[in-house]
N, C-alpha and C. Protein backbone atom coordinates (compact mmCIF):
# COMPACT_ATOMS: atom_id res chain seq x y z
N MET A 1 32.28 4.34 -0.30
CA MET A 1 30.78 3.87 -1.46
C MET A 1 31.04 5.06 -2.40
N ALA A 2 30.75 6.42 -2.24
CA ALA A 2 30.68 7.60 -2.76
C ALA A 2 31.93 7.46 -4.11
N GLY A 3 32.71 6.92 -3.87
CA GLY A 3 33.94 6.49 -5.00
C GLY A 3 33.73 5.48 -5.86
N LEU A 4 33.18 4.25 -5.32
CA LEU A 4 33.18 3.09 -5.77
C LEU A 4 31.48 3.62 -6.96
N LEU A 5 30.87 4.30 -6.30
CA LEU A 5 29.64 4.63 -7.46
C LEU A 5 30.20 5.08 -8.28
N GLY A 6 31.13 6.43 -8.16
CA GLY A 6 31.57 7.16 -9.15
C GLY A 6 32.19 6.23 -10.39
N GLU A 7 32.58 5.14 -10.11
CA GLU A 7 33.26 4.51 -11.09
C GLU A 7 32.39 3.72 -12.04
N LEU A 8 30.92 3.66 -11.57
CA LEU A 8 30.05 2.87 -11.89
C LEU A 8 29.44 3.53 -13.48
N PRO A 9 28.90 2.93 -14.28
CA PRO A 9 27.86 3.23 -15.12
C PRO A 9 26.71 4.22 -14.97
N ALA A 10 26.58 5.18 -15.34
CA ALA A 10 24.96 6.12 -14.47
C ALA A 10 23.83 5.27 -14.23
N ARG A 11 23.60 4.47 -15.11
CA ARG A 11 22.36 3.28 -14.64
C ARG A 11 22.18 2.54 -13.34
N VAL A 12 23.60 2.01 -13.58
CA VAL A 12 23.83 1.13 -12.07
C VAL A 12 23.87 1.67 -11.24
N VAL A 13 24.70 3.27 -10.97
CA VAL A 13 24.48 4.58 -9.50
C VAL A 13 22.71 4.60 -9.53
N ALA A 14 21.76 4.84 -10.43
CA ALA A 14 20.65 5.49 -10.16
C ALA A 14 20.12 4.19 -9.58
N THR A 15 19.98 2.73 -10.27
CA THR A 15 19.65 2.02 -9.77
C THR A 15 19.79 1.79 -8.13
N ALA A 16 21.09 1.95 -7.76
CA ALA A 16 22.01 1.37 -6.17
C ALA A 16 20.86 2.54 -5.39
N GLN A 17 21.39 4.41 -5.86
CA GLN A 17 20.50 5.16 -5.01
C GLN A 17 18.91 4.78 -4.80
N TYR A 18 18.41 4.48 -5.93
CA TYR A 18 16.69 3.68 -5.92
C TYR A 18 16.47 3.11 -4.87
N ALA A 19 17.34 1.80 -4.94
CA ALA A 19 17.43 0.70 -4.30
C ALA A 19 17.94 1.18 -2.37
N LEU A 20 18.75 2.04 -2.40
CA LEU A 20 18.97 2.38 -0.81
C LEU A 20 17.88 3.53 -0.16
N ALA A 21 17.20 3.95 -1.18
CA ALA A 21 16.24 4.72 -0.67
C ALA A 21 15.11 3.70 -0.45
N LEU A 22 14.72 2.84 -0.59
CA LEU A 22 13.46 1.75 -0.67
C LEU A 22 13.83 0.60 0.35
N PRO A 23 14.49 0.37 1.04
CA PRO A 23 14.97 -0.46 1.62
C PRO A 23 14.18 -1.57 1.94
N ASN A 24 12.98 -1.65 2.59
CA ASN A 24 11.83 -2.18 2.89
C ASN A 24 11.48 -3.55 1.49
N LEU A 25 11.00 -2.77 0.41
CA LEU A 25 11.18 -3.29 -0.65
C LEU A 25 11.84 -4.71 -1.01
N ILE A 26 12.81 -4.58 -0.72
CA ILE A 26 13.45 -5.60 -0.59
C ILE A 26 12.89 -6.99 -0.29
N HIS A 27 12.79 -6.51 1.24
CA HIS A 27 11.46 -7.95 1.69
C HIS A 27 10.61 -8.62 0.81
N MET A 28 9.96 -8.17 0.29
CA MET A 28 8.75 -8.60 -0.64
C MET A 28 9.00 -9.55 -0.99
N LYS A 29 7.69 -10.57 -0.50
CA LYS A 29 7.54 -11.79 -0.73
C LYS A 29 5.98 -12.12 -1.73
N GLN A 30 6.36 -12.88 -2.67
CA GLN A 30 4.94 -13.05 -3.52
C GLN A 30 4.14 -14.02 -2.80
N LYS A 31 2.72 -13.69 -3.10
CA LYS A 31 1.52 -14.42 -2.12
C LYS A 31 0.43 -14.13 -2.96
N PRO A 32 0.26 -15.20 -4.40
CA PRO A 32 -0.70 -14.95 -4.84
C PRO A 32 -2.01 -15.36 -4.47
N ALA A 33 -2.76 -14.23 -4.89
CA ALA A 33 -4.24 -14.20 -4.29
C ALA A 33 -5.03 -14.76 -5.30
N LYS A 34 -6.36 -15.83 -4.97
CA LYS A 34 -6.60 -16.24 -5.85
C LYS A 34 -8.05 -15.41 -6.29
N ASN A 35 -8.52 -14.49 -5.60
CA ASN A 35 -9.77 -13.34 -6.24
C ASN A 35 -8.75 -12.11 -7.18
N VAL A 36 -8.88 -12.64 -8.01
CA VAL A 36 -8.03 -11.84 -9.22
C VAL A 36 -9.15 -11.40 -10.28
N TYR A 37 -9.48 -9.96 -10.88
CA TYR A 37 -10.15 -9.46 -11.77
C TYR A 37 -9.49 -8.91 -12.76
N SER A 38 -10.39 -8.69 -13.96
CA SER A 38 -9.52 -8.23 -14.73
C SER A 38 -10.16 -6.86 -14.95
N ARG A 39 -9.32 -5.84 -15.38
CA ARG A 39 -9.75 -4.19 -15.14
C ARG A 39 -10.66 -3.61 -16.44
N GLY A 40 -10.70 -4.31 -17.39
CA GLY A 40 -11.51 -4.09 -18.20
C GLY A 40 -11.09 -2.84 -19.17
N GLY A 41 -9.62 -2.59 -18.99
CA GLY A 41 -9.21 -1.54 -19.56
C GLY A 41 -9.50 -0.09 -18.99
N THR A 42 -10.20 -0.11 -17.81
CA THR A 42 -9.81 0.85 -16.98
C THR A 42 -8.46 1.52 -16.34
N ALA A 43 -8.13 3.06 -16.24
CA ALA A 43 -6.73 3.55 -16.34
C ALA A 43 -6.57 3.36 -14.33
N ILE A 44 -5.60 2.95 -14.41
CA ILE A 44 -5.08 3.39 -13.11
C ILE A 44 -4.78 4.64 -12.54
N ASP A 45 -5.37 5.24 -11.48
CA ASP A 45 -5.19 6.27 -10.80
C ASP A 45 -5.02 6.86 -9.69
N GLU A 46 -4.96 5.66 -8.71
CA GLU A 46 -5.65 5.91 -7.37
C GLU A 46 -5.04 4.86 -6.80
N ILE A 47 -4.51 5.17 -5.18
CA ILE A 47 -4.01 3.85 -4.36
C ILE A 47 -5.01 4.22 -3.00
N VAL A 48 -5.30 3.15 -3.05
CA VAL A 48 -6.54 2.92 -1.32
C VAL A 48 -5.49 2.12 -0.12
N LEU A 49 -5.35 2.97 0.58
CA LEU A 49 -4.81 2.44 1.73
C LEU A 49 -5.91 1.69 2.88
N HIS A 50 -5.50 0.65 3.28
CA HIS A 50 -6.66 -0.01 4.28
C HIS A 50 -5.66 -0.62 5.65
N GLY A 51 -6.71 -0.94 6.70
CA GLY A 51 -6.37 -1.41 7.77
C GLY A 51 -7.06 -2.33 7.70
N THR A 52 -6.59 -3.87 8.16
CA THR A 52 -7.82 -5.08 8.09
C THR A 52 -8.57 -5.40 9.20
N GLU A 53 -8.55 -4.55 10.21
CA GLU A 53 -9.56 -4.29 11.33
C GLU A 53 -9.66 -6.37 11.66
N SER A 54 -8.58 -7.17 11.92
CA SER A 54 -8.93 -8.41 11.45
C SER A 54 -8.81 -9.18 12.89
N LEU A 55 -9.80 -10.15 12.93
CA LEU A 55 -10.25 -10.93 13.82
C LEU A 55 -9.52 -12.34 14.20
N ARG A 56 -8.29 -12.24 12.98
CA ARG A 56 -7.56 -13.22 12.97
C ARG A 56 -5.61 -12.80 13.37
N PRO A 57 -4.81 -13.86 13.55
CA PRO A 57 -3.56 -13.47 13.48
C PRO A 57 -2.70 -12.89 12.36
N GLN A 58 -2.24 -12.37 12.17
CA GLN A 58 -1.54 -11.80 10.76
C GLN A 58 -1.35 -12.53 9.76
N ASP A 59 -0.48 -13.71 10.23
CA ASP A 59 -0.39 -14.48 9.18
C ASP A 59 -1.68 -15.38 8.82
N ALA A 60 -2.83 -15.57 9.44
CA ALA A 60 -4.00 -15.88 9.17
C ALA A 60 -4.86 -15.22 8.37
N SER A 61 -4.87 -13.80 8.58
CA SER A 61 -5.45 -12.70 7.97
C SER A 61 -4.48 -12.38 6.75
N ALA A 62 -3.44 -12.72 6.86
CA ALA A 62 -3.01 -12.83 5.12
C ALA A 62 -3.52 -14.12 4.44
N ASP A 63 -3.20 -15.05 4.97
CA ASP A 63 -3.63 -16.16 4.62
C ASP A 63 -5.39 -15.64 3.67
N TYR A 64 -6.07 -15.46 4.46
CA TYR A 64 -7.13 -15.18 4.32
C TYR A 64 -7.57 -14.43 3.38
N ILE A 65 -7.15 -12.96 3.17
CA ILE A 65 -7.04 -12.39 2.17
C ILE A 65 -6.82 -13.25 0.45
N ALA A 66 -5.34 -14.04 0.91
CA ALA A 66 -4.82 -14.72 -0.47
C ALA A 66 -5.64 -15.95 -0.79
N SER A 67 -7.06 -16.36 0.34
CA SER A 67 -7.55 -17.65 -0.60
C SER A 67 -8.87 -17.06 -1.47
N ALA A 68 -9.44 -18.04 -1.66
CA ALA A 68 -10.43 -18.04 -2.54
C ALA A 68 -12.04 -17.57 -1.75
N ASN A 69 -12.14 -16.87 -0.47
CA ASN A 69 -12.74 -16.30 0.26
C ASN A 69 -14.06 -15.87 -0.49
N ASP A 70 -14.75 -16.27 0.18
CA ASP A 70 -16.54 -15.99 -0.72
C ASP A 70 -16.81 -14.66 -0.71
N ALA A 71 -16.34 -13.95 0.18
CA ALA A 71 -16.26 -12.39 0.25
C ALA A 71 -15.65 -12.05 -1.12
N GLY A 72 -14.96 -12.50 -2.01
CA GLY A 72 -14.22 -12.28 -3.09
C GLY A 72 -13.19 -10.94 -2.75
N THR A 73 -12.83 -10.79 -1.83
CA THR A 73 -11.44 -9.86 -1.11
C THR A 73 -10.36 -10.69 -1.79
N SER A 74 -9.65 -9.45 -1.94
CA SER A 74 -7.92 -9.69 -2.44
C SER A 74 -7.56 -8.13 -2.37
N ILE A 75 -6.03 -8.37 -2.25
CA ILE A 75 -5.09 -7.08 -2.01
C ILE A 75 -4.17 -6.84 -3.35
N HIS A 76 -3.60 -5.79 -3.48
CA HIS A 76 -2.26 -6.04 -4.19
C HIS A 76 -1.15 -6.10 -3.01
N TYR A 77 -1.15 -5.66 -2.11
CA TYR A 77 0.06 -5.34 -1.61
C TYR A 77 -0.54 -5.31 -0.01
N TRP A 78 0.04 -6.45 0.80
CA TRP A 78 0.22 -6.40 2.22
C TRP A 78 0.80 -6.39 3.04
N ILE A 79 0.69 -5.31 4.05
CA ILE A 79 2.16 -4.83 5.35
C ILE A 79 1.55 -5.69 6.29
N GLY A 80 1.94 -6.76 7.19
CA GLY A 80 2.35 -7.08 8.50
C GLY A 80 3.01 -5.76 9.57
N ARG A 81 2.89 -6.44 10.52
CA ARG A 81 3.28 -5.41 11.88
C ARG A 81 4.82 -5.47 12.09
N ASP A 82 5.36 -7.09 11.77
CA ASP A 82 6.67 -7.15 12.22
C ASP A 82 7.41 -6.91 10.87
N PHE A 83 9.13 -6.78 11.78
CA PHE A 83 9.83 -6.58 10.50
C PHE A 83 9.60 -7.68 9.34
N GLY A 84 10.16 -7.10 7.69
CA GLY A 84 10.05 -8.02 6.88
C GLY A 84 9.06 -8.75 6.23
N LEU A 85 7.76 -8.57 7.09
CA LEU A 85 6.14 -8.86 6.27
C LEU A 85 5.66 -8.16 5.62
N LEU A 86 6.01 -8.25 3.95
CA LEU A 86 5.29 -7.88 3.23
C LEU A 86 5.30 -8.70 1.86
N TYR A 87 4.11 -8.62 1.17
CA TYR A 87 3.59 -9.73 0.26
C TYR A 87 2.81 -9.12 -0.80
N ALA A 88 3.30 -9.42 -1.88
CA ALA A 88 2.40 -9.08 -3.49
C ALA A 88 1.76 -10.14 -3.58
N MET A 89 0.67 -9.76 -3.82
CA MET A 89 -0.76 -10.74 -3.63
C MET A 89 -1.75 -10.65 -5.05
N VAL A 90 -1.63 -9.56 -5.32
CA VAL A 90 -2.53 -9.41 -7.23
C VAL A 90 -1.36 -8.57 -7.60
N PRO A 91 -1.47 -8.84 -8.96
CA PRO A 91 -0.59 -8.23 -10.21
C PRO A 91 -1.27 -6.53 -10.44
N GLU A 92 -0.42 -5.57 -10.51
CA GLU A 92 -1.38 -4.22 -10.12
C GLU A 92 -1.82 -3.85 -11.46
N ASP A 93 -1.40 -4.79 -12.87
CA ASP A 93 -2.16 -4.87 -14.08
C ASP A 93 -3.50 -5.54 -13.71
N LYS A 94 -3.96 -6.14 -12.73
CA LYS A 94 -5.25 -6.80 -12.41
C LYS A 94 -5.84 -6.17 -11.28
N ALA A 95 -7.39 -6.40 -11.30
CA ALA A 95 -8.05 -5.78 -10.24
C ALA A 95 -8.29 -6.36 -9.18
N ALA A 96 -8.18 -6.00 -7.69
CA ALA A 96 -8.25 -6.68 -6.55
C ALA A 96 -9.39 -6.46 -5.74
N GLY A 97 -10.18 -7.07 -5.01
CA GLY A 97 -11.33 -6.91 -4.97
C GLY A 97 -11.33 -6.04 -3.49
N HIS A 98 -11.12 -4.90 -2.96
CA HIS A 98 -11.07 -4.52 -2.15
C HIS A 98 -11.78 -2.66 -1.49
N ALA A 99 -11.97 -2.29 -2.83
CA ALA A 99 -12.64 -1.15 -2.44
C ALA A 99 -13.95 -1.11 -3.45
N GLY A 100 -14.47 -2.33 -3.38
CA GLY A 100 -16.04 -2.00 -4.25
C GLY A 100 -17.05 -1.28 -3.62
N ASN A 101 -18.34 -2.18 -3.95
CA ASN A 101 -19.54 -1.75 -3.44
C ASN A 101 -20.44 -3.05 -3.53
N PRO A 102 -20.20 -3.82 -2.69
CA PRO A 102 -20.86 -5.45 -2.73
C PRO A 102 -22.11 -5.32 -2.12
N ASN A 103 -22.00 -4.09 -1.57
CA ASN A 103 -24.01 -4.20 -0.78
C ASN A 103 -24.53 -3.19 -1.33
N GLN A 104 -23.96 -2.65 -2.63
CA GLN A 104 -25.29 -1.88 -3.12
C GLN A 104 -25.19 -0.81 -2.07
N VAL A 105 -24.61 0.25 -1.64
CA VAL A 105 -24.76 1.25 -0.69
C VAL A 105 -24.85 2.58 -1.55
N ALA A 106 -26.19 3.41 -1.34
CA ALA A 106 -26.28 4.44 -2.31
C ALA A 106 -25.45 5.31 -1.83
N GLY A 107 -24.79 5.80 -2.70
CA GLY A 107 -23.53 7.00 -3.11
C GLY A 107 -22.54 6.52 -3.04
N VAL A 108 -22.24 5.35 -2.67
CA VAL A 108 -20.49 4.70 -2.76
C VAL A 108 -20.59 4.01 -3.83
N GLN A 109 -19.13 4.41 -4.62
CA GLN A 109 -18.67 3.95 -5.98
C GLN A 109 -17.72 2.72 -5.63
N ASP A 110 -17.89 2.10 -6.82
CA ASP A 110 -16.98 0.85 -6.97
C ASP A 110 -15.38 1.45 -7.21
N HIS A 111 -14.71 1.42 -6.70
CA HIS A 111 -13.09 1.87 -7.00
C HIS A 111 -12.55 0.83 -7.35
N ASN A 112 -12.71 -0.53 -7.45
CA ASN A 112 -11.50 -2.14 -7.30
C ASN A 112 -11.19 -1.51 -8.75
N PHE A 113 -11.68 -1.32 -9.88
CA PHE A 113 -11.13 -1.10 -11.34
C PHE A 113 -10.15 -0.36 -11.48
N ARG A 114 -10.57 0.70 -10.72
CA ARG A 114 -9.00 2.13 -10.93
C ARG A 114 -8.00 2.24 -9.69
N SER A 115 -7.97 1.21 -8.95
CA SER A 115 -7.11 1.09 -7.92
C SER A 115 -6.13 0.50 -8.00
N ILE A 116 -5.40 0.56 -7.53
CA ILE A 116 -4.16 -0.41 -6.47
C ILE A 116 -4.26 -0.03 -4.76
N GLY A 117 -4.27 -1.44 -4.11
CA GLY A 117 -4.91 -1.77 -2.59
C GLY A 117 -3.41 -1.91 -1.76
N ILE A 118 -3.69 -1.14 -1.00
CA ILE A 118 -2.61 -1.73 0.13
C ILE A 118 -3.07 -1.78 1.50
N GLU A 119 -2.98 -3.23 1.99
CA GLU A 119 -3.33 -3.68 3.28
C GLU A 119 -2.74 -3.79 4.35
N MET A 120 -2.68 -2.89 5.77
CA MET A 120 -2.06 -3.04 6.64
C MET A 120 -2.69 -3.79 7.44
N TYR A 121 -2.07 -4.68 8.26
CA TYR A 121 -2.62 -5.85 9.28
C TYR A 121 -2.91 -4.75 10.23
N GLN A 122 -4.00 -4.98 10.84
CA GLN A 122 -4.20 -4.27 12.36
C GLN A 122 -5.37 -5.45 12.84
N LEU A 123 -5.44 -5.69 14.09
CA LEU A 123 -6.30 -5.72 15.09
C LEU A 123 -7.54 -5.02 15.19
N ASP A 124 -8.86 -5.84 14.99
CA ASP A 124 -10.37 -4.96 14.90
C ASP A 124 -10.44 -4.65 16.60
N VAL A 125 -11.19 -3.77 17.01
CA VAL A 125 -10.86 -2.83 17.80
C VAL A 125 -11.80 -3.55 18.65
N SER A 126 -12.37 -4.62 18.37
CA SER A 126 -13.19 -5.54 19.66
C SER A 126 -12.13 -6.12 20.38
N MET A 127 -11.05 -6.39 19.65
CA MET A 127 -10.04 -7.57 20.50
C MET A 127 -9.30 -6.46 21.26
N PHE A 128 -9.54 -5.47 21.31
CA PHE A 128 -9.45 -4.38 22.51
C PHE A 128 -10.78 -3.97 23.52
N LYS A 129 -11.73 -4.91 23.50
CA LYS A 129 -12.67 -4.28 24.19
C LYS A 129 -13.38 -2.48 23.81
N GLY A 130 -13.16 -2.27 22.48
CA GLY A 130 -13.73 -0.80 22.31
C GLY A 130 -12.59 -0.20 22.17
N ASP A 131 -11.73 -0.38 23.43
CA ASP A 131 -10.87 0.97 23.03
C ASP A 131 -9.81 1.56 21.99
N LYS A 132 -10.48 2.36 21.31
CA LYS A 132 -9.86 2.86 20.33
C LYS A 132 -8.34 3.27 19.81
N SER A 133 -8.08 4.09 21.14
CA SER A 133 -6.62 4.13 21.34
C SER A 133 -5.68 3.32 21.27
N LYS A 134 -5.98 2.03 21.08
CA LYS A 134 -5.16 0.93 21.05
C LYS A 134 -4.98 0.35 19.62
N LEU A 135 -5.72 0.88 18.55
CA LEU A 135 -5.50 0.83 17.34
C LEU A 135 -4.20 1.68 16.64
N ASP A 136 -3.10 0.93 16.24
CA ASP A 136 -1.98 1.45 15.84
C ASP A 136 -1.56 0.75 14.49
N PHE A 137 -0.68 1.33 13.98
CA PHE A 137 0.38 0.61 13.09
C PHE A 137 1.86 1.13 14.01
N THR A 138 2.67 0.05 13.26
CA THR A 138 4.15 0.04 13.24
C THR A 138 5.03 0.71 12.56
N ASP A 139 6.62 0.98 12.98
CA ASP A 139 7.17 1.62 12.14
C ASP A 139 7.54 1.11 11.05
N TRP A 140 7.55 -0.01 10.54
CA TRP A 140 7.58 -1.32 9.64
C TRP A 140 6.78 -0.79 8.91
N GLN A 141 5.45 -0.65 9.37
CA GLN A 141 4.14 -0.25 8.75
C GLN A 141 4.63 1.12 7.65
N TYR A 142 4.37 2.16 8.86
CA TYR A 142 4.82 3.31 8.04
C TYR A 142 6.10 3.41 7.10
N ASP A 143 6.90 3.01 7.70
CA ASP A 143 8.31 2.93 6.51
C ASP A 143 8.08 2.24 5.28
N THR A 144 7.46 1.27 5.56
CA THR A 144 7.34 0.11 4.18
C THR A 144 6.04 0.85 3.39
N VAL A 145 4.94 1.20 3.74
CA VAL A 145 3.78 1.73 3.27
C VAL A 145 4.26 3.27 2.32
N ALA A 146 5.30 3.73 3.03
CA ALA A 146 5.43 5.81 2.15
C ALA A 146 6.50 5.18 1.34
N MET A 147 7.28 4.06 1.32
CA MET A 147 8.45 3.27 0.28
C MET A 147 7.45 2.80 -0.91
N LEU A 148 6.72 1.93 -0.46
CA LEU A 148 5.83 1.28 -1.65
C LEU A 148 4.92 2.46 -2.32
N VAL A 149 3.85 3.56 -1.59
CA VAL A 149 3.44 4.02 -2.09
C VAL A 149 4.33 5.00 -3.02
N TYR A 150 5.29 5.55 -2.41
CA TYR A 150 6.49 6.21 -3.45
C TYR A 150 6.28 5.50 -5.33
N ASP A 151 6.92 4.52 -4.65
CA ASP A 151 7.14 3.28 -5.94
C ASP A 151 6.38 3.45 -6.88
N ILE A 152 5.29 3.13 -6.68
CA ILE A 152 3.66 2.80 -7.17
C ILE A 152 3.58 4.16 -7.84
N CYS A 153 3.34 5.01 -7.04
CA CYS A 153 3.00 7.04 -7.55
C CYS A 153 4.09 6.82 -9.08
N ARG A 154 5.39 6.76 -8.78
CA ARG A 154 6.22 7.30 -9.62
C ARG A 154 6.32 6.21 -10.67
N ARG A 155 6.25 4.95 -10.49
CA ARG A 155 6.20 4.44 -11.93
C ARG A 155 5.14 4.77 -12.63
N ARG A 156 3.68 4.85 -12.04
CA ARG A 156 2.75 4.82 -12.59
C ARG A 156 1.89 6.30 -12.98
N GLY A 157 2.85 7.35 -12.60
CA GLY A 157 2.35 8.77 -12.81
C GLY A 157 1.24 8.98 -11.61
N ILE A 158 0.83 8.06 -10.70
CA ILE A 158 -0.49 8.83 -9.45
C ILE A 158 0.25 9.75 -8.95
N LYS A 159 -0.83 10.80 -8.65
CA LYS A 159 -0.37 11.60 -7.67
C LYS A 159 -0.90 11.26 -6.59
N ARG A 160 -0.83 12.41 -5.83
CA ARG A 160 -0.14 12.22 -4.50
C ARG A 160 -1.80 12.35 -3.82
N LYS A 161 -2.38 13.28 -4.43
CA LYS A 161 -3.88 13.52 -4.03
C LYS A 161 -4.58 12.38 -4.08
N MET A 162 -4.47 11.48 -4.99
CA MET A 162 -4.91 10.22 -5.40
C MET A 162 -4.59 9.12 -4.42
N VAL A 163 -3.70 9.20 -3.21
CA VAL A 163 -3.65 8.40 -2.66
C VAL A 163 -4.51 8.27 -1.29
N VAL A 164 -5.48 7.38 -1.62
CA VAL A 164 -6.46 7.81 -0.23
C VAL A 164 -6.95 7.11 1.29
N GLY A 165 -7.63 6.57 1.86
CA GLY A 165 -8.11 5.61 2.75
C GLY A 165 -9.33 5.30 2.15
N HIS A 166 -9.51 3.89 2.50
CA HIS A 166 -10.59 3.13 2.46
C HIS A 166 -11.96 4.04 2.70
N GLY A 167 -11.61 4.35 3.98
CA GLY A 167 -12.76 5.30 4.78
C GLY A 167 -13.29 6.43 3.85
N ALA A 168 -12.21 6.90 2.94
CA ALA A 168 -12.62 8.52 2.49
C ALA A 168 -13.55 8.16 1.21
N ILE A 169 -13.37 6.86 0.59
CA ILE A 169 -14.11 6.68 -0.35
C ILE A 169 -15.57 5.63 -0.07
N ASN A 170 -15.75 5.15 1.32
CA ASN A 170 -16.72 4.41 1.84
C ASN A 170 -16.96 4.60 2.98
N SER A 171 -17.14 6.06 2.90
CA SER A 171 -17.45 6.58 5.07
C SER A 171 -18.49 6.02 5.26
N VAL A 172 -19.94 5.35 4.64
CA VAL A 172 -20.52 4.78 4.99
C VAL A 172 -20.53 3.28 5.67
N GLU A 173 -19.27 2.64 5.50
CA GLU A 173 -19.85 1.22 5.76
C GLU A 173 -17.96 1.19 6.51
N ARG A 174 -17.34 2.10 5.81
CA ARG A 174 -15.39 2.02 6.48
C ARG A 174 -15.30 2.85 7.29
N GLY A 175 -14.08 2.75 7.82
CA GLY A 175 -13.16 3.95 8.54
C GLY A 175 -11.94 4.04 8.55
N ASP A 176 -11.33 2.46 8.17
CA ASP A 176 -10.05 2.22 7.86
C ASP A 176 -9.18 3.23 6.90
N PRO A 177 -7.80 3.57 6.86
CA PRO A 177 -7.22 3.09 7.97
C PRO A 177 -7.55 3.66 9.38
N LYS A 178 -7.63 3.11 10.44
CA LYS A 178 -8.21 3.96 11.68
C LYS A 178 -6.88 3.86 12.29
N ASN A 179 -7.05 5.18 13.17
CA ASN A 179 -5.52 5.62 14.12
C ASN A 179 -4.29 6.06 13.08
N PHE A 180 -4.60 6.05 11.45
CA PHE A 180 -3.51 6.27 10.74
C PHE A 180 -3.06 7.34 10.83
N ASP A 181 -2.12 7.78 11.05
CA ASP A 181 -1.00 9.31 11.29
C ASP A 181 -0.65 9.34 9.67
N TRP A 182 -1.62 10.21 8.90
CA TRP A 182 -1.40 10.78 7.55
C TRP A 182 -0.28 11.42 7.31
N ASP A 183 -0.17 12.58 8.46
CA ASP A 183 1.12 13.50 8.54
C ASP A 183 2.60 12.94 8.78
N ARG A 184 2.40 11.86 9.48
CA ARG A 184 3.54 11.09 9.55
C ARG A 184 3.76 10.63 8.10
N PHE A 185 2.86 9.66 7.75
CA PHE A 185 3.01 9.29 6.42
C PHE A 185 3.24 10.30 5.19
N ASN A 186 2.92 11.31 5.40
CA ASN A 186 3.20 12.50 4.00
C ASN A 186 4.35 12.79 4.39
N ARG A 187 4.88 12.89 5.63
CA ARG A 187 6.55 13.42 6.14
C ARG A 187 7.35 12.63 5.14
N GLN A 188 7.37 11.67 5.41
CA GLN A 188 7.85 10.04 5.48
C GLN A 188 8.19 9.90 3.65
N LEU A 189 6.99 10.37 3.30
CA LEU A 189 6.59 10.39 1.79
C LEU A 189 7.97 11.62 1.01
N ASP A 190 7.34 12.89 1.91
CA ASP A 190 8.28 13.71 0.92
C ASP A 190 9.62 13.78 1.27
N ARG A 191 10.16 12.82 2.24
CA ARG A 191 11.81 12.52 2.25
C ARG A 191 12.16 11.70 1.37
N ILE A 192 11.46 10.61 1.46
CA ILE A 192 11.91 10.21 -0.18
C ILE A 192 11.83 10.61 -1.33
N SER A 193 10.60 11.36 -1.70
CA SER A 193 10.66 12.01 -2.99
C SER A 193 11.63 12.99 -3.20
N GLN A 194 11.92 14.03 -1.76
CA GLN A 194 13.25 14.94 -1.86
C GLN A 194 14.59 14.35 -2.12
N THR A 195 14.64 13.05 -1.68
CA THR A 195 15.89 12.85 -1.47
C THR A 195 16.26 11.65 -3.28
N LEU A 196 15.44 11.17 -3.48
CA LEU A 196 15.45 10.56 -4.73
C LEU A 196 15.39 11.89 -6.32
N GLY A 197 14.41 12.74 -5.79
CA GLY A 197 14.36 13.99 -6.74
C GLY A 197 15.91 14.66 -6.88
N GLY A 198 16.33 14.76 -5.32
CA GLY A 198 17.95 15.41 -5.35
C GLY A 198 18.89 14.57 -6.13
N GLN A 199 18.87 13.61 -6.11
CA GLN A 199 19.78 12.63 -6.47
C GLN A 199 19.79 12.04 -7.99
N LEU A 200 18.13 11.69 -8.39
CA LEU A 200 18.15 11.31 -9.58
C LEU A 200 17.57 12.15 -10.73
N GLY A 201 17.05 13.57 -10.04
CA GLY A 201 16.37 14.24 -11.03
C GLY A 201 14.76 14.99 -10.79
N SER A 202 14.32 15.50 -11.36
CA SER A 202 13.31 15.94 -11.01
C SER A 202 11.97 14.89 -11.50
N GLY A 203 12.27 14.26 -12.17
CA GLY A 203 11.07 12.66 -12.41
C GLY A 203 11.24 12.02 -11.60
N PHE A 204 11.94 12.30 -10.52
CA PHE A 204 11.67 11.23 -9.59
C PHE A 204 10.89 11.78 -8.24
N ALA A 205 10.70 13.06 -8.55
CA ALA A 205 10.08 14.25 -7.26
C ALA A 205 8.67 14.02 -7.47
N LEU A 206 7.70 13.08 -6.56
CA LEU A 206 6.29 13.18 -6.86
C LEU A 206 5.73 14.58 -6.88
N ASN A 207 4.43 14.20 -7.62
CA ASN A 207 3.68 15.55 -7.69
C ASN A 207 2.64 15.69 -6.71
């Protein structure tokens, strides 16, 4: 492989190295959402991670988020628990209904227009009779969200400190993604950043 890559144009080699470092993104499919909004010129500077806390099976949960649901809910990207389940739902240049303040809670700001949202499927704790220890995310979800966040941050110049959980911007009503291992996520993000930064130059290392 190294010999073959050495004979190819530099841009082709860089594209191949990039794709090899982010293999899960190849599985992304389009599932257009109905609830799509204008950003009104607001700059994108944040990524918000979510856990669905769903009462529905994962296919039904994805269908609901993509539907013209009365809650106005939508998301840019949705990651299921099983290998290969990754959907793009709302174009990044549009706003999705994922991190607003529909109940007008005091002290909670609307982050819909400045952020890109990533939803990871997770059952609601009530499905486990309230046992919070059963709330988890799969290897596929950890690997995929790290690859997706890396790609978005690099393309859009979003700083790592601006990757937050929904509960961090609305602690009054939300606590998701619950039981998400942020240390594991950050280690994986580090590995991708270091690998591509080393192969393709400092412009591919995240800040």
